């Protein structure tokens, strides 16, 4: 007769826990599959047209690159300068330093015209 490493009550509790965990995970997997089911046609479409999915990825990367160089001017600081037109992006590293109560000192990237207006 072999001895179990756990007392019978603990072995029973662990067994019950394992069964409940298995059942809960199975139900969660069913719910996830049901929630993702409406996406099936989209996934199948992009499986058949990978070039379109690649174009979406390329556009997202381009957008991210543009946002990285985006002018984050605070136009409200230089409204009196009617001749200032925000270029929308910066081609050089121009920043002004601002203090934010939530994150502290931040360097705000700006396009040349906004930078000149903000520092005038």
Protein backbone atom coordinates (compact mmCIF):
# COMPACT_ATOMS: atom_id res chain seq x y z
CA UNK A 1 0.00 0.00 0.00
CA UNK A 2 1.56 3.31 -1.09
CA UNK A 3 1.28 6.41 0.99
CA UNK A 4 0.21 9.74 -0.55
CA UNK A 5 2.44 12.72 0.15
CA UNK A 6 -0.59 14.72 1.34
CA UNK A 7 -3.17 14.08 4.03
CA UNK A 8 -6.44 12.85 2.46
CA UNK A 9 -8.29 16.11 3.19
CA UNK A 10 -5.58 18.18 1.47
CA UNK A 11 -5.42 15.81 -1.50
CA UNK A 12 -9.20 16.09 -1.88
CA UNK A 13 -9.07 19.90 -1.63
CA UNK A 14 -6.31 20.08 -4.25
CA UNK A 15 -8.23 17.76 -6.54
CA UNK A 16 -11.39 19.86 -6.20
CA UNK A 17 -9.39 23.02 -6.84
CA UNK A 18 -7.80 21.55 -9.97
CA UNK A 19 -11.18 20.46 -11.34
CA UNK A 20 -12.73 23.87 -10.65
CA UNK A 21 -9.76 25.62 -12.24
CA UNK A 22 -9.97 23.40 -15.32
CA UNK A 23 -13.71 24.08 -15.66
CA UNK A 24 -13.25 27.83 -15.20
CA UNK A 25 -10.45 27.99 -17.79
CA UNK A 26 -12.49 25.93 -20.25
CA UNK A 27 -15.45 28.31 -19.85
CA UNK A 28 -13.18 31.36 -20.26
CA UNK A 29 -11.74 29.82 -23.45
CA UNK A 30 -15.27 29.23 -24.80
CA UNK A 31 -16.26 32.82 -24.04
CA UNK A 32 -13.10 34.16 -25.67
CA UNK A 33 -13.70 32.06 -28.78
CA UNK A 34 -17.29 33.32 -28.97
CA UNK A 35 -16.15 36.92 -28.57
CA UNK A 36 -13.56 36.54 -31.35
CA UNK A 37 -15.91 34.74 -33.75
CA UNK A 38 -17.12 37.98 -35.42
CA UNK A 39 -13.50 38.67 -36.42
CA UNK A 40 -13.17 35.40 -38.34
CA UNK A 41 -14.14 36.90 -41.76
CA UNK A 42 -11.63 39.71 -41.29
CA UNK A 43 -8.84 37.31 -40.35
CA UNK A 44 -9.67 35.08 -43.30
CA UNK A 45 -9.69 38.08 -45.65
CA UNK A 46 -6.23 39.22 -44.54
CA UNK A 47 -4.95 35.65 -44.77
CA UNK A 48 -5.96 35.76 -48.44
CA UNK A 49 -4.67 39.33 -48.97
CA UNK A 50 -1.47 39.70 -46.89
CA UNK A 51 -0.32 42.63 -49.02
CA UNK A 52 -3.21 44.72 -47.69
CA UNK A 53 -2.33 43.86 -44.11
CA UNK A 54 1.29 44.80 -44.84
CA UNK A 55 0.09 48.15 -46.22
CA UNK A 56 -1.84 48.79 -43.00
CA UNK A 57 1.29 48.00 -40.97
CA UNK A 58 3.36 50.30 -43.17
CA UNK A 59 0.84 53.12 -42.74
CA UNK A 60 0.85 52.64 -38.96
CA UNK A 61 4.66 52.77 -38.88
CA UNK A 62 4.61 55.92 -41.00
CA UNK A 63 2.02 57.50 -38.73
CA UNK A 64 4.11 56.61 -35.67
CA UNK A 65 7.19 58.17 -37.28
CA UNK A 66 5.26 61.34 -38.06
CA UNK A 67 3.86 61.50 -34.53
CA UNK A 68 7.36 61.11 -33.16
CA UNK A 69 8.33 64.25 -35.07
CA UNK A 70 5.00 66.00 -34.46
CA UNK A 71 4.96 69.52 -33.20
CA UNK A 72 3.46 69.49 -29.73
CA UNK A 73 3.13 73.22 -29.52
CA UNK A 74 0.94 74.91 -27.01
CA UNK A 75 -0.70 77.25 -29.51
CA UNK A 76 -2.52 79.06 -26.74
CA UNK A 77 0.81 80.48 -25.59
CA UNK A 78 1.40 82.45 -28.79
CA UNK A 79 -2.03 83.41 -30.15
CA UNK A 80 -0.99 87.04 -30.34
CA UNK A 81 1.48 86.12 -33.10
CA UNK A 82 -0.93 86.09 -36.07
CA UNK A 83 1.88 85.41 -38.54
CA UNK A 84 2.82 82.13 -36.86
CA UNK A 85 1.68 79.03 -38.71
CA UNK A 86 2.32 75.67 -37.10
CA UNK A 87 4.11 73.40 -39.58
CA UNK A 88 2.77 70.34 -37.78
CA UNK A 89 6.08 68.51 -37.54
CA UNK A 90 9.66 69.21 -36.66
CA UNK A 91 12.67 68.41 -38.81
CA UNK A 92 15.14 69.35 -36.11
CA UNK A 93 15.37 68.89 -32.38
CA UNK A 94 13.70 72.02 -31.07
CA UNK A 95 12.12 71.78 -27.64
CA UNK A 96 10.99 74.06 -24.90
CA UNK A 97 10.95 73.05 -21.28
CA UNK A 98 7.67 73.10 -19.40
CA UNK A 99 6.74 72.00 -15.91
CA UNK A 100 3.78 69.68 -15.50
CA UNK A 101 2.32 69.20 -12.03
CA UNK A 102 1.68 65.53 -12.80
CA UNK A 103 4.95 64.46 -14.47
CA UNK A 104 7.38 67.24 -13.61
CA UNK A 105 9.70 68.84 -16.16
CA UNK A 106 9.03 67.87 -19.78
CA UNK A 107 10.68 68.83 -23.04
CA UNK A 108 8.05 69.72 -25.62
CA UNK A 109 9.11 69.19 -29.27
CA UNK A 110 8.08 72.00 -31.60
CA UNK A 111 8.36 73.02 -35.22
CA UNK A 112 10.58 76.03 -36.00
CA UNK A 113 7.76 78.60 -36.26
CA UNK A 114 6.09 77.50 -33.00
CA UNK A 115 9.45 77.35 -31.25
CA UNK A 116 10.27 80.90 -32.35
CA UNK A 117 6.84 82.13 -31.28
CA UNK A 118 7.05 80.39 -27.90
CA UNK A 119 10.53 81.71 -27.15
CA UNK A 120 9.99 85.27 -28.44
